[in-house]
Amino acid sequence: MGAAPAAPEAFAGEGEFVRKLLTTIFACILILAACGNDAAPVPDDEYLHELVGTWAWDIGNAFLYVFNADGAGRRGTETSVETFEWRTEGDLLMIDLVDSPYVDETLLNQRWTFVISNNSLTITSRQVADMEFTYIRVP
């Protein structure tokens, strides 16, 4: 039998083309991976949320809520303070009182619907009918 026929000119540079294509694809993958999320990682012990900060009751400003980034908080007046742990799921605010001489034991784990608009926080109880409060963010 004779020698194999010569490759047509159209396929002569196919190996070089495939090598360049694979190199380009690999470079694009590396660039996309490097561009990922530029945000600094959040430490596990911090909870960043729009609630973090101090909120004063819109009637008299004597009653405050303080939501810390670590999920702890406190509420009350200068002479009467309750501590709590908090977290959210969507518009559900969960407040678990750590120690409160003022709240019935059945309400130590409180559930509120919350809305924040124009530095105003409105919380509506999911456990007590018609219980709603509004607070203003303290700068």
N, C-alpha and C. Protein backbone atom coordinates (compact mmCIF):
# COMPACT_ATOMS: atom_id res chain seq x y z
N MET A 1 0.82 -1.15 0.00
CA MET A 1 0.00 0.00 0.00
C MET A 1 0.87 1.22 0.00
N GLY A 2 0.33 2.25 -0.37
CA GLY A 2 1.08 3.48 -0.51
C GLY A 2 1.04 4.31 0.76
N ALA A 3 1.70 5.41 0.72
CA ALA A 3 1.75 6.33 1.85
C ALA A 3 0.40 7.00 2.03
N ALA A 4 0.14 7.43 3.25
CA ALA A 4 -1.13 8.10 3.54
C ALA A 4 -1.18 9.41 2.78
N PRO A 5 -2.38 9.79 2.38
CA PRO A 5 -2.49 11.04 1.64
C PRO A 5 -2.12 12.22 2.54
N ALA A 6 -1.59 13.24 1.97
CA ALA A 6 -1.20 14.44 2.71
C ALA A 6 -2.45 15.12 3.25
N ALA A 7 -2.30 15.75 4.42
CA ALA A 7 -3.43 16.45 5.04
C ALA A 7 -3.81 17.63 4.17
N PRO A 8 -5.10 17.86 4.03
CA PRO A 8 -5.51 19.03 3.26
C PRO A 8 -5.01 20.30 3.96
N GLU A 9 -4.79 21.33 3.17
CA GLU A 9 -4.26 22.57 3.71
C GLU A 9 -5.15 23.17 4.78
N ALA A 10 -6.46 22.96 4.72
CA ALA A 10 -7.37 23.54 5.69
C ALA A 10 -7.11 23.01 7.09
N PHE A 11 -6.56 21.80 7.21
CA PHE A 11 -6.31 21.20 8.52
C PHE A 11 -4.85 21.23 8.92
N ALA A 12 -4.04 21.85 8.20
CA ALA A 12 -2.61 21.84 8.46
C ALA A 12 -2.28 22.48 9.81
N GLY A 13 -2.95 23.54 10.21
CA GLY A 13 -2.63 24.22 11.46
C GLY A 13 -3.61 23.88 12.58
N GLU A 14 -4.35 22.78 12.47
CA GLU A 14 -5.37 22.43 13.46
C GLU A 14 -4.81 22.25 14.86
N GLY A 15 -3.68 21.62 15.01
CA GLY A 15 -3.07 21.39 16.32
C GLY A 15 -2.74 22.70 17.02
N GLU A 16 -2.20 23.64 16.29
CA GLU A 16 -1.85 24.95 16.84
C GLU A 16 -3.11 25.70 17.25
N PHE A 17 -4.16 25.61 16.41
CA PHE A 17 -5.43 26.28 16.72
C PHE A 17 -6.04 25.74 18.01
N VAL A 18 -6.09 24.43 18.17
CA VAL A 18 -6.66 23.80 19.35
C VAL A 18 -5.86 24.20 20.59
N ARG A 19 -4.53 24.22 20.49
CA ARG A 19 -3.69 24.61 21.61
C ARG A 19 -3.98 26.04 22.04
N LYS A 20 -4.12 26.96 21.08
CA LYS A 20 -4.41 28.36 21.40
C LYS A 20 -5.82 28.50 22.00
N LEU A 21 -6.77 27.76 21.47
CA LEU A 21 -8.14 27.81 21.97
C LEU A 21 -8.19 27.33 23.42
N LEU A 22 -7.54 26.20 23.71
CA LEU A 22 -7.53 25.69 25.07
C LEU A 22 -6.81 26.64 26.03
N THR A 23 -5.73 27.25 25.57
CA THR A 23 -5.01 28.22 26.40
C THR A 23 -5.89 29.43 26.70
N THR A 24 -6.63 29.90 25.72
CA THR A 24 -7.52 31.05 25.91
C THR A 24 -8.64 30.71 26.89
N ILE A 25 -9.25 29.54 26.74
CA ILE A 25 -10.32 29.11 27.64
C ILE A 25 -9.79 29.00 29.06
N PHE A 26 -8.63 28.41 29.23
CA PHE A 26 -8.04 28.25 30.55
C PHE A 26 -7.75 29.63 31.17
N ALA A 27 -7.23 30.55 30.38
CA ALA A 27 -6.94 31.91 30.88
C ALA A 27 -8.23 32.60 31.31
N CYS A 28 -9.31 32.44 30.53
CA CYS A 28 -10.59 33.06 30.89
C CYS A 28 -11.12 32.49 32.20
N ILE A 29 -10.98 31.19 32.39
CA ILE A 29 -11.43 30.57 33.64
C ILE A 29 -10.65 31.13 34.82
N LEU A 30 -9.35 31.28 34.68
CA LEU A 30 -8.53 31.84 35.75
C LEU A 30 -8.92 33.28 36.06
N ILE A 31 -9.18 34.06 35.03
CA ILE A 31 -9.57 35.47 35.23
C ILE A 31 -10.91 35.54 35.95
N LEU A 32 -11.88 34.74 35.53
CA LEU A 32 -13.19 34.74 36.18
C LEU A 32 -13.08 34.30 37.64
N ALA A 33 -12.26 33.32 37.90
CA ALA A 33 -12.09 32.86 39.28
C ALA A 33 -11.45 33.94 40.13
N ALA A 34 -10.51 34.68 39.57
CA ALA A 34 -9.84 35.74 40.32
C ALA A 34 -10.76 36.93 40.56
N CYS A 35 -11.72 37.16 39.67
CA CYS A 35 -12.64 38.28 39.81
C CYS A 35 -13.74 38.01 40.79
N GLY A 36 -14.00 36.80 41.14
CA GLY A 36 -15.05 36.40 42.07
C GLY A 36 -15.59 37.48 42.97
N ASN A 37 -15.72 37.24 44.24
CA ASN A 37 -16.29 38.18 45.19
C ASN A 37 -15.17 38.96 45.83
N ASP A 38 -15.13 40.27 45.59
CA ASP A 38 -14.08 41.11 46.14
C ASP A 38 -14.35 41.52 47.58
N ALA A 39 -15.53 41.22 48.11
CA ALA A 39 -15.86 41.62 49.48
C ALA A 39 -14.99 40.86 50.46
N ALA A 40 -14.59 41.55 51.51
CA ALA A 40 -13.79 40.91 52.55
C ALA A 40 -14.65 39.86 53.25
N PRO A 41 -14.04 38.74 53.60
CA PRO A 41 -14.83 37.71 54.28
C PRO A 41 -15.33 38.23 55.63
N VAL A 42 -16.55 37.81 55.98
CA VAL A 42 -17.14 38.22 57.25
C VAL A 42 -16.78 37.17 58.30
N PRO A 43 -16.19 37.60 59.40
CA PRO A 43 -15.87 36.63 60.46
C PRO A 43 -17.14 35.93 60.93
N ASP A 44 -16.99 34.66 61.34
CA ASP A 44 -18.14 33.88 61.77
C ASP A 44 -18.88 34.50 62.95
N ASP A 45 -18.17 35.28 63.77
CA ASP A 45 -18.80 35.81 64.97
C ASP A 45 -19.46 37.17 64.74
N GLU A 46 -19.56 37.61 63.50
CA GLU A 46 -20.20 38.88 63.21
C GLU A 46 -21.39 38.66 62.29
N TYR A 47 -22.45 39.40 62.56
CA TYR A 47 -23.68 39.30 61.79
C TYR A 47 -23.96 40.69 61.23
N LEU A 48 -23.69 40.87 59.95
CA LEU A 48 -23.88 42.19 59.35
C LEU A 48 -25.29 42.27 58.78
N HIS A 49 -26.00 43.26 59.20
CA HIS A 49 -27.39 43.38 58.81
C HIS A 49 -27.82 44.82 58.94
N GLU A 50 -28.86 45.20 58.23
CA GLU A 50 -29.35 46.58 58.29
C GLU A 50 -29.90 46.93 59.67
N LEU A 51 -30.20 45.95 60.50
CA LEU A 51 -30.68 46.21 61.86
C LEU A 51 -29.56 46.65 62.81
N VAL A 52 -28.33 46.30 62.49
CA VAL A 52 -27.21 46.60 63.39
C VAL A 52 -27.18 48.10 63.68
N GLY A 53 -27.15 48.43 64.95
CA GLY A 53 -27.12 49.82 65.38
C GLY A 53 -28.09 50.06 66.52
N THR A 54 -28.33 51.32 66.79
CA THR A 54 -29.21 51.73 67.90
C THR A 54 -30.47 52.36 67.33
N TRP A 55 -31.61 51.99 67.90
CA TRP A 55 -32.91 52.47 67.46
C TRP A 55 -33.66 53.03 68.68
N ALA A 56 -34.21 54.22 68.55
CA ALA A 56 -34.96 54.86 69.63
C ALA A 56 -36.45 54.85 69.31
N TRP A 57 -37.26 54.54 70.32
CA TRP A 57 -38.71 54.52 70.16
C TRP A 57 -39.17 55.88 69.69
N ASP A 58 -40.07 55.91 68.73
CA ASP A 58 -40.51 57.20 68.16
C ASP A 58 -41.43 57.98 69.09
N ILE A 59 -41.80 57.40 70.23
CA ILE A 59 -42.60 58.12 71.23
C ILE A 59 -41.71 58.37 72.44
N GLY A 60 -41.05 59.48 72.48
CA GLY A 60 -40.28 59.85 73.65
C GLY A 60 -38.80 59.50 73.61
N ASN A 61 -38.36 58.61 72.76
CA ASN A 61 -36.95 58.23 72.62
C ASN A 61 -36.31 57.66 73.88
N ALA A 62 -37.08 57.34 74.91
CA ALA A 62 -36.49 56.81 76.14
C ALA A 62 -36.19 55.32 76.04
N PHE A 63 -36.93 54.60 75.20
CA PHE A 63 -36.75 53.15 75.06
C PHE A 63 -35.90 52.89 73.83
N LEU A 64 -34.82 52.15 74.00
CA LEU A 64 -33.88 51.87 72.91
C LEU A 64 -33.78 50.38 72.63
N TYR A 65 -33.55 50.06 71.37
CA TYR A 65 -33.09 48.74 70.95
C TYR A 65 -31.67 48.92 70.44
N VAL A 66 -30.77 48.02 70.84
CA VAL A 66 -29.40 48.03 70.33
C VAL A 66 -29.13 46.64 69.76
N PHE A 67 -28.89 46.57 68.44
CA PHE A 67 -28.59 45.32 67.76
C PHE A 67 -27.10 45.32 67.42
N ASN A 68 -26.34 44.41 68.02
CA ASN A 68 -24.91 44.30 67.76
C ASN A 68 -24.64 43.35 66.60
N ALA A 69 -23.51 43.55 65.94
CA ALA A 69 -23.15 42.73 64.78
C ALA A 69 -22.89 41.27 65.15
N ASP A 70 -22.63 40.98 66.41
CA ASP A 70 -22.36 39.59 66.81
C ASP A 70 -23.63 38.81 67.14
N GLY A 71 -24.81 39.43 66.92
CA GLY A 71 -26.07 38.75 67.18
C GLY A 71 -26.59 38.95 68.60
N ALA A 72 -25.86 39.72 69.40
CA ALA A 72 -26.33 40.05 70.75
C ALA A 72 -27.03 41.40 70.69
N GLY A 73 -27.79 41.70 71.72
CA GLY A 73 -28.44 43.00 71.77
C GLY A 73 -28.98 43.29 73.14
N ARG A 74 -29.53 44.49 73.26
CA ARG A 74 -30.17 44.89 74.50
C ARG A 74 -31.29 45.87 74.17
N ARG A 75 -32.24 45.96 75.09
CA ARG A 75 -33.33 46.91 74.90
C ARG A 75 -33.78 47.40 76.26
N GLY A 76 -34.36 48.59 76.25
CA GLY A 76 -34.89 49.13 77.49
C GLY A 76 -34.56 50.60 77.65
N THR A 77 -34.62 51.04 78.92
CA THR A 77 -34.32 52.42 79.26
C THR A 77 -33.02 52.45 80.04
N GLU A 78 -32.61 53.61 80.49
CA GLU A 78 -31.38 53.73 81.27
C GLU A 78 -31.44 52.91 82.56
N THR A 79 -32.60 52.78 83.15
CA THR A 79 -32.73 52.09 84.44
C THR A 79 -33.23 50.66 84.33
N SER A 80 -33.66 50.22 83.16
CA SER A 80 -34.22 48.89 82.99
C SER A 80 -33.81 48.32 81.64
N VAL A 81 -32.87 47.36 81.65
CA VAL A 81 -32.33 46.83 80.40
C VAL A 81 -32.50 45.31 80.36
N GLU A 82 -32.95 44.82 79.21
CA GLU A 82 -33.02 43.38 78.95
C GLU A 82 -31.98 43.05 77.88
N THR A 83 -31.32 41.91 78.02
CA THR A 83 -30.37 41.47 77.00
C THR A 83 -31.00 40.35 76.19
N PHE A 84 -30.57 40.25 74.92
CA PHE A 84 -31.14 39.24 74.04
C PHE A 84 -30.15 38.83 72.96
N GLU A 85 -30.48 37.73 72.30
CA GLU A 85 -29.79 37.29 71.09
C GLU A 85 -30.79 37.45 69.96
N TRP A 86 -30.29 37.82 68.77
CA TRP A 86 -31.21 38.07 67.66
C TRP A 86 -30.67 37.50 66.36
N ARG A 87 -31.62 37.27 65.45
CA ARG A 87 -31.29 36.82 64.10
C ARG A 87 -32.51 37.10 63.22
N THR A 88 -32.33 37.03 61.93
CA THR A 88 -33.44 37.26 61.01
C THR A 88 -33.51 36.15 59.98
N GLU A 89 -34.69 35.99 59.43
CA GLU A 89 -34.93 35.13 58.26
C GLU A 89 -35.94 35.90 57.41
N GLY A 90 -35.46 36.52 56.35
CA GLY A 90 -36.34 37.36 55.54
C GLY A 90 -36.80 38.54 56.37
N ASP A 91 -38.13 38.72 56.48
CA ASP A 91 -38.65 39.83 57.28
C ASP A 91 -39.02 39.39 58.70
N LEU A 92 -38.59 38.21 59.10
CA LEU A 92 -38.84 37.70 60.45
C LEU A 92 -37.65 38.05 61.35
N LEU A 93 -37.92 38.77 62.42
CA LEU A 93 -36.92 39.11 63.43
C LEU A 93 -37.18 38.22 64.64
N MET A 94 -36.17 37.45 65.02
CA MET A 94 -36.29 36.55 66.17
C MET A 94 -35.44 37.11 67.30
N ILE A 95 -36.08 37.39 68.41
CA ILE A 95 -35.40 37.91 69.59
C ILE A 95 -35.59 36.90 70.71
N ASP A 96 -34.48 36.36 71.19
CA ASP A 96 -34.51 35.41 72.29
C ASP A 96 -33.92 36.10 73.51
N LEU A 97 -34.79 36.44 74.46
CA LEU A 97 -34.35 37.16 75.65
C LEU A 97 -33.46 36.25 76.50
N VAL A 98 -32.33 36.78 76.92
CA VAL A 98 -31.40 36.01 77.75
C VAL A 98 -31.88 36.04 79.19
N ASP A 99 -32.29 37.18 79.64
CA ASP A 99 -32.77 37.32 81.01
C ASP A 99 -33.70 38.50 81.06
N SER A 100 -34.93 38.26 81.51
CA SER A 100 -35.89 39.36 81.58
C SER A 100 -36.85 39.14 82.74
N PRO A 101 -36.79 40.02 83.72
CA PRO A 101 -37.77 39.92 84.81
C PRO A 101 -39.11 40.52 84.43
N TYR A 102 -39.19 41.14 83.24
CA TYR A 102 -40.38 41.89 82.86
C TYR A 102 -41.31 41.15 81.91
N VAL A 103 -40.83 40.08 81.29
CA VAL A 103 -41.60 39.39 80.26
C VAL A 103 -42.01 38.02 80.76
N ASP A 104 -43.25 37.67 80.50
CA ASP A 104 -43.76 36.35 80.82
C ASP A 104 -42.88 35.30 80.14
N GLU A 105 -42.64 34.19 80.80
CA GLU A 105 -41.75 33.15 80.28
C GLU A 105 -42.16 32.65 78.89
N THR A 106 -43.45 32.71 78.58
CA THR A 106 -43.90 32.24 77.27
C THR A 106 -43.47 33.18 76.14
N LEU A 107 -43.04 34.39 76.47
CA LEU A 107 -42.61 35.35 75.44
C LEU A 107 -41.11 35.61 75.47
N LEU A 108 -40.34 34.70 76.06
CA LEU A 108 -38.89 34.89 76.06
C LEU A 108 -38.31 34.76 74.66
N ASN A 109 -38.96 33.98 73.81
CA ASN A 109 -38.56 33.84 72.42
C ASN A 109 -39.58 34.59 71.58
N GLN A 110 -39.24 35.80 71.21
CA GLN A 110 -40.19 36.68 70.52
C GLN A 110 -39.97 36.65 69.02
N ARG A 111 -41.07 36.77 68.30
CA ARG A 111 -41.04 36.78 66.84
C ARG A 111 -41.76 38.02 66.35
N TRP A 112 -41.08 38.77 65.50
CA TRP A 112 -41.61 40.03 64.98
C TRP A 112 -41.44 40.05 63.48
N THR A 113 -42.36 40.69 62.79
CA THR A 113 -42.15 41.06 61.40
C THR A 113 -41.53 42.44 61.43
N PHE A 114 -40.50 42.67 60.62
CA PHE A 114 -39.87 43.99 60.66
C PHE A 114 -39.77 44.60 59.26
N VAL A 115 -39.84 45.93 59.24
CA VAL A 115 -39.68 46.69 58.00
C VAL A 115 -38.80 47.89 58.34
N ILE A 116 -37.80 48.14 57.49
CA ILE A 116 -36.96 49.32 57.65
C ILE A 116 -37.15 50.19 56.42
N SER A 117 -37.49 51.47 56.66
CA SER A 117 -37.68 52.42 55.57
C SER A 117 -37.31 53.81 56.06
N ASN A 118 -36.43 54.47 55.33
CA ASN A 118 -36.02 55.85 55.66
C ASN A 118 -35.57 55.97 57.11
N ASN A 119 -34.68 55.09 57.54
CA ASN A 119 -34.14 55.09 58.92
C ASN A 119 -35.21 54.91 59.98
N SER A 120 -36.29 54.27 59.61
CA SER A 120 -37.37 53.98 60.54
C SER A 120 -37.59 52.46 60.57
N LEU A 121 -37.62 51.89 61.75
CA LEU A 121 -37.81 50.45 61.95
C LEU A 121 -39.19 50.24 62.56
N THR A 122 -40.03 49.46 61.90
CA THR A 122 -41.33 49.09 62.45
C THR A 122 -41.32 47.59 62.71
N ILE A 123 -41.65 47.21 63.95
CA ILE A 123 -41.74 45.80 64.30
C ILE A 123 -43.19 45.50 64.70
N THR A 124 -43.69 44.37 64.20
CA THR A 124 -45.05 43.94 64.48
C THR A 124 -44.98 42.53 65.05
N SER A 125 -45.55 42.33 66.24
CA SER A 125 -45.50 41.04 66.90
C SER A 125 -46.25 39.99 66.09
N ARG A 126 -45.65 38.81 66.01
CA ARG A 126 -46.34 37.66 65.41
C ARG A 126 -47.02 36.82 66.48
N GLN A 127 -46.87 37.25 67.75
CA GLN A 127 -47.42 36.48 68.85
C GLN A 127 -48.53 37.20 69.60
N VAL A 128 -48.51 38.52 69.59
CA VAL A 128 -49.51 39.31 70.31
C VAL A 128 -50.22 40.20 69.30
N ALA A 129 -51.53 40.03 69.20
CA ALA A 129 -52.31 40.79 68.22
C ALA A 129 -52.21 42.30 68.48
N ASP A 130 -52.13 43.05 67.40
CA ASP A 130 -52.13 44.52 67.44
C ASP A 130 -50.97 45.13 68.20
N MET A 131 -49.86 44.43 68.34
CA MET A 131 -48.68 44.98 69.00
C MET A 131 -47.68 45.40 67.92
N GLU A 132 -47.50 46.70 67.77
CA GLU A 132 -46.60 47.24 66.76
C GLU A 132 -45.91 48.47 67.33
N PHE A 133 -44.60 48.59 67.04
CA PHE A 133 -43.81 49.72 67.52
C PHE A 133 -42.96 50.25 66.38
N THR A 134 -42.65 51.53 66.43
CA THR A 134 -41.77 52.15 65.44
C THR A 134 -40.60 52.80 66.15
N TYR A 135 -39.42 52.63 65.58
CA TYR A 135 -38.17 53.16 66.15
C TYR A 135 -37.43 53.94 65.07
N ILE A 136 -36.66 54.93 65.50
CA ILE A 136 -35.87 55.76 64.59
C ILE A 136 -34.40 55.43 64.83
N ARG A 137 -33.65 55.27 63.73
CA ARG A 137 -32.22 54.97 63.85
C ARG A 137 -31.50 56.15 64.52
N VAL A 138 -30.67 55.83 65.49
CA VAL A 138 -29.87 56.83 66.18
C VAL A 138 -28.52 56.92 65.47
N PRO A 139 -28.16 58.14 65.01
CA PRO A 139 -26.89 58.26 64.27
C PRO A 139 -25.67 58.01 65.14
